[in-house]
Protein backbone atom coordinates (compact mmCIF):
# COMPACT_ATOMS: atom_id res chain seq x y z
CA MET A 1 138.65 106.60 77.43
CA SER A 2 135.67 104.62 78.73
CA GLN A 3 133.22 103.10 76.30
CA GLU A 4 129.68 104.57 76.33
CA ARG A 5 127.06 102.02 77.43
CA SER A 6 123.68 101.94 75.70
CA LEU A 7 120.53 102.88 77.61
CA GLU A 8 119.40 99.24 77.48
CA VAL A 9 122.64 98.09 79.12
CA GLN A 10 122.31 100.80 81.76
CA ARG A 11 118.68 99.81 82.36
CA GLU A 12 119.69 96.17 82.83
CA GLU A 13 122.35 97.25 85.32
CA PHE A 14 119.80 99.35 87.21
CA LYS A 15 117.27 96.51 87.22
CA GLN A 16 119.81 94.21 88.88
CA ARG A 17 119.83 96.38 92.00
CA ARG A 18 118.07 95.42 95.18
CA LEU A 19 116.17 98.73 95.39
CA LEU A 20 115.38 98.47 99.09
CA ALA A 21 117.12 101.51 100.60
CA THR A 22 114.52 104.07 99.55
CA PRO A 23 111.42 102.05 100.49
CA LEU A 24 113.03 101.09 103.81
CA SER A 25 113.70 104.75 104.57
CA GLY A 26 110.11 105.61 103.61
CA LEU A 27 108.87 102.87 105.91
CA ILE A 28 110.94 104.26 108.78
CA ALA A 29 109.84 107.86 108.13
CA TRP A 30 106.13 107.03 107.98
CA GLY A 31 106.51 104.71 110.97
CA VAL A 32 107.95 107.62 112.96
CA ILE A 33 105.01 109.79 111.88
CA ALA A 34 102.54 107.09 112.95
CA ILE A 35 104.15 106.73 116.37
CA CYS A 36 104.43 110.49 116.90
CA SER A 37 100.78 110.95 115.92
CA LEU A 38 99.84 109.09 119.10
CA PHE A 39 101.25 111.73 121.43
CA LEU A 40 102.26 114.96 119.64
CA LYS A 41 100.13 118.05 119.23
CA PRO A 42 99.36 119.34 115.69
CA VAL A 43 102.25 121.80 115.29
CA SER A 44 104.87 119.33 116.49
CA LEU A 45 103.33 116.48 114.48
CA SER A 46 103.34 118.64 111.36
CA LEU A 47 107.02 119.45 111.86
CA VAL A 48 107.81 115.75 112.35
CA THR A 49 105.94 114.97 109.12
CA PHE A 50 107.90 117.57 107.13
CA ILE A 51 111.22 116.50 108.64
CA ALA A 52 110.61 112.75 108.38
CA THR A 53 109.41 112.81 104.78
CA GLY A 54 112.08 115.33 103.82
CA SER A 55 114.72 113.00 105.26
CA ILE A 56 113.75 109.93 103.24
CA VAL A 57 116.39 110.48 100.55
CA TYR A 58 119.15 111.12 103.07
CA LEU A 59 118.18 108.10 105.13
CA ALA A 60 118.12 106.03 101.92
CA LEU A 61 121.68 107.13 101.14
CA PHE A 62 122.72 105.90 104.59
CA LEU A 63 120.75 102.63 104.41
CA SER A 64 122.09 101.86 100.94
CA LYS A 65 125.42 100.96 102.52
CA PHE A 66 123.68 98.16 104.41
CA THR A 67 121.46 96.93 101.56
CA GLY A 68 124.42 96.55 99.22
CA GLU A 69 123.24 99.37 96.95
CA ASN A 70 125.71 102.02 98.16
CA MET A 71 124.19 104.96 96.32
CA LEU A 72 127.21 107.14 97.07
CA ASP A 73 129.76 104.76 95.52
CA LYS A 74 131.71 107.00 93.13
CA SER A 75 133.60 104.04 91.62
CA LYS A 76 130.47 102.69 89.89
CA PRO A 77 129.97 103.83 86.31
CA LYS A 78 127.38 106.57 85.86
CA ASN A 79 123.92 105.29 85.02
CA SER A 80 121.29 107.40 83.26
CA PHE A 81 118.56 105.69 85.27
CA ASP A 82 120.08 106.95 88.52
CA ARG A 83 119.61 110.44 87.13
CA LEU A 84 116.04 109.63 86.08
CA PHE A 85 115.32 108.25 89.56
CA MET A 86 116.72 111.40 91.18
CA LEU A 87 114.53 113.48 88.86
CA THR A 88 111.48 111.54 90.11
CA VAL A 89 112.61 112.39 93.63
CA LEU A 90 112.89 116.05 92.62
CA MET A 91 109.39 115.80 91.09
CA SER A 92 108.01 114.46 94.35
CA VAL A 93 109.79 117.08 96.46
CA SER A 94 108.57 119.84 94.13
CA VAL A 95 104.99 119.03 94.95
CA TYR A 96 105.52 120.33 98.45
CA ALA A 97 104.51 123.54 96.66
CA ILE A 98 101.00 122.05 96.66
CA ALA A 99 101.20 120.48 100.12
CA ILE A 100 102.34 123.58 102.00
CA PRO A 101 99.50 125.96 101.04
CA PHE A 102 96.90 123.28 101.84
CA PHE A 103 98.69 122.56 105.10
CA LEU A 104 98.45 126.23 106.04
CA GLU A 105 94.66 126.04 105.55
CA ASP A 106 94.18 122.63 107.23
CA TYR A 107 97.10 120.93 108.93
CA THR A 108 95.37 117.53 108.57
CA SER A 109 95.82 117.79 104.79
CA LEU A 110 99.53 117.08 105.28
CA PRO A 111 99.43 113.26 105.36
CA LEU A 112 97.06 113.29 102.38
CA THR A 113 99.11 115.57 100.15
CA ILE A 114 102.55 114.31 101.08
CA GLY A 115 101.37 110.69 101.17
CA VAL A 116 99.99 110.84 97.64
CA LEU A 117 102.50 113.20 96.07
CA THR A 118 105.64 111.43 97.30
CA GLY A 119 104.16 108.11 96.21
CA LEU A 120 104.11 109.28 92.59
CA MET A 121 107.77 108.42 92.08
CA TRP A 122 106.87 104.72 92.27
CA ILE A 123 105.06 104.81 88.93
CA PRO A 124 108.05 105.67 86.70
CA MET A 125 110.09 103.21 88.75
CA SER A 126 107.86 100.44 87.38
CA TRP A 127 108.81 101.42 83.87
CA ILE A 128 112.52 101.63 84.68
CA ILE A 129 112.71 98.16 86.27
CA GLN A 130 110.00 96.67 84.04
CA HIS A 131 108.08 95.33 87.03
CA TRP A 132 104.52 95.89 88.23
CA ILE A 133 105.27 96.80 91.85
CA GLY A 134 105.72 100.52 91.24
CA VAL A 135 102.39 100.96 89.49
CA VAL A 136 100.59 98.85 92.09
CA HIS A 137 102.22 100.73 94.96
CA GLY A 138 101.64 104.17 93.43
CA VAL A 139 98.01 103.57 92.48
CA ALA A 140 97.11 101.68 95.67
CA ARG A 141 98.80 104.36 97.74
CA THR A 142 96.82 107.12 96.04
CA VAL A 143 93.47 105.36 96.36
CA LEU A 144 94.00 104.09 99.90
CA VAL A 145 95.50 107.31 101.27
CA VAL A 146 92.59 109.37 99.92
CA ALA A 147 90.00 106.85 101.19
CA THR A 148 91.70 106.62 104.59
CA TRP A 149 91.98 110.38 104.89
CA TYR A 150 88.21 110.67 104.43
CA ALA A 151 87.36 107.63 106.54
CA PHE A 152 89.31 108.67 109.65
CA PRO A 153 89.07 112.47 109.97
CA GLU A 154 90.03 112.45 113.67
CA HIS A 155 93.07 110.22 113.14
CA ARG A 156 94.37 111.22 109.72
CA PHE A 157 98.07 111.25 110.55
CA LEU A 158 97.97 107.83 112.18
CA ALA A 159 95.63 106.14 109.69
CA VAL A 160 97.34 107.45 106.56
CA SER A 161 100.78 106.63 107.99
CA LEU A 162 99.71 103.07 108.77
CA VAL A 163 98.36 102.59 105.24
CA ILE A 164 101.66 103.79 103.79
CA VAL A 165 103.67 101.59 106.16
CA VAL A 166 101.65 98.51 105.16
CA LEU A 167 102.12 99.35 101.47
CA TYR A 168 105.86 99.73 102.04
CA VAL A 169 106.04 96.34 103.76
CA PHE A 170 104.29 94.80 100.76
CA ALA A 171 106.51 96.61 98.24
CA ILE A 172 109.71 95.75 100.12
CA THR A 173 108.69 92.09 100.22
CA VAL A 174 107.96 92.07 96.48
CA LEU A 175 111.19 93.91 95.66
CA GLU A 176 113.25 91.52 97.77
CA MET A 177 111.63 88.47 96.15
CA ARG A 178 112.27 90.03 92.72
CA TRP A 179 115.93 90.66 93.57
CA ARG A 180 116.43 87.12 94.89
CA ARG A 181 114.95 85.67 91.68
CA LEU A 182 117.31 87.85 89.65
CA LYS A 183 120.26 86.66 91.73
CA GLN A 184 119.25 83.00 91.30
CA ALA A 185 118.99 83.46 87.53
CA ILE A 186 122.51 84.94 87.43
CA ASP A 187 124.08 82.28 89.68
């Protein structure tokens, strides 16, 4: 019978992860939206936005094999913080219930609502890993997406996507530097 690990031990195990697969998949998804916004008409662009953002988790599962995280590895012991992370994903996906009705009224609301609402999962991530990047990313994303959405009404999909891509580049850089420092401390 396996010994039960405390939440603190599980948190330490979770904190040791690289945590790049999900932000990389978000970067790719929003990059696709930005590129498609240059040449697609509203209906097609809206579909791309729904599909791309809805695919982030699945793309992260695939990318995790290359980042060393391997989220589908069944041989790793269960970690309560994996479940908490997946619940934050569920929270973010649930807010499509807000995004869809607004989208039906004004399709340009889509990058605003999805951009802000799916960025919310970064805030509890800060608490889990005891690092500032999640709060900074989540708050900056909210403020900048809203400001950009108002500032560029004719180019909302492109402008909001570019803001999110830049924030992902920053977050990925910080997360990678954090992970390398953790690795150096262990070695």
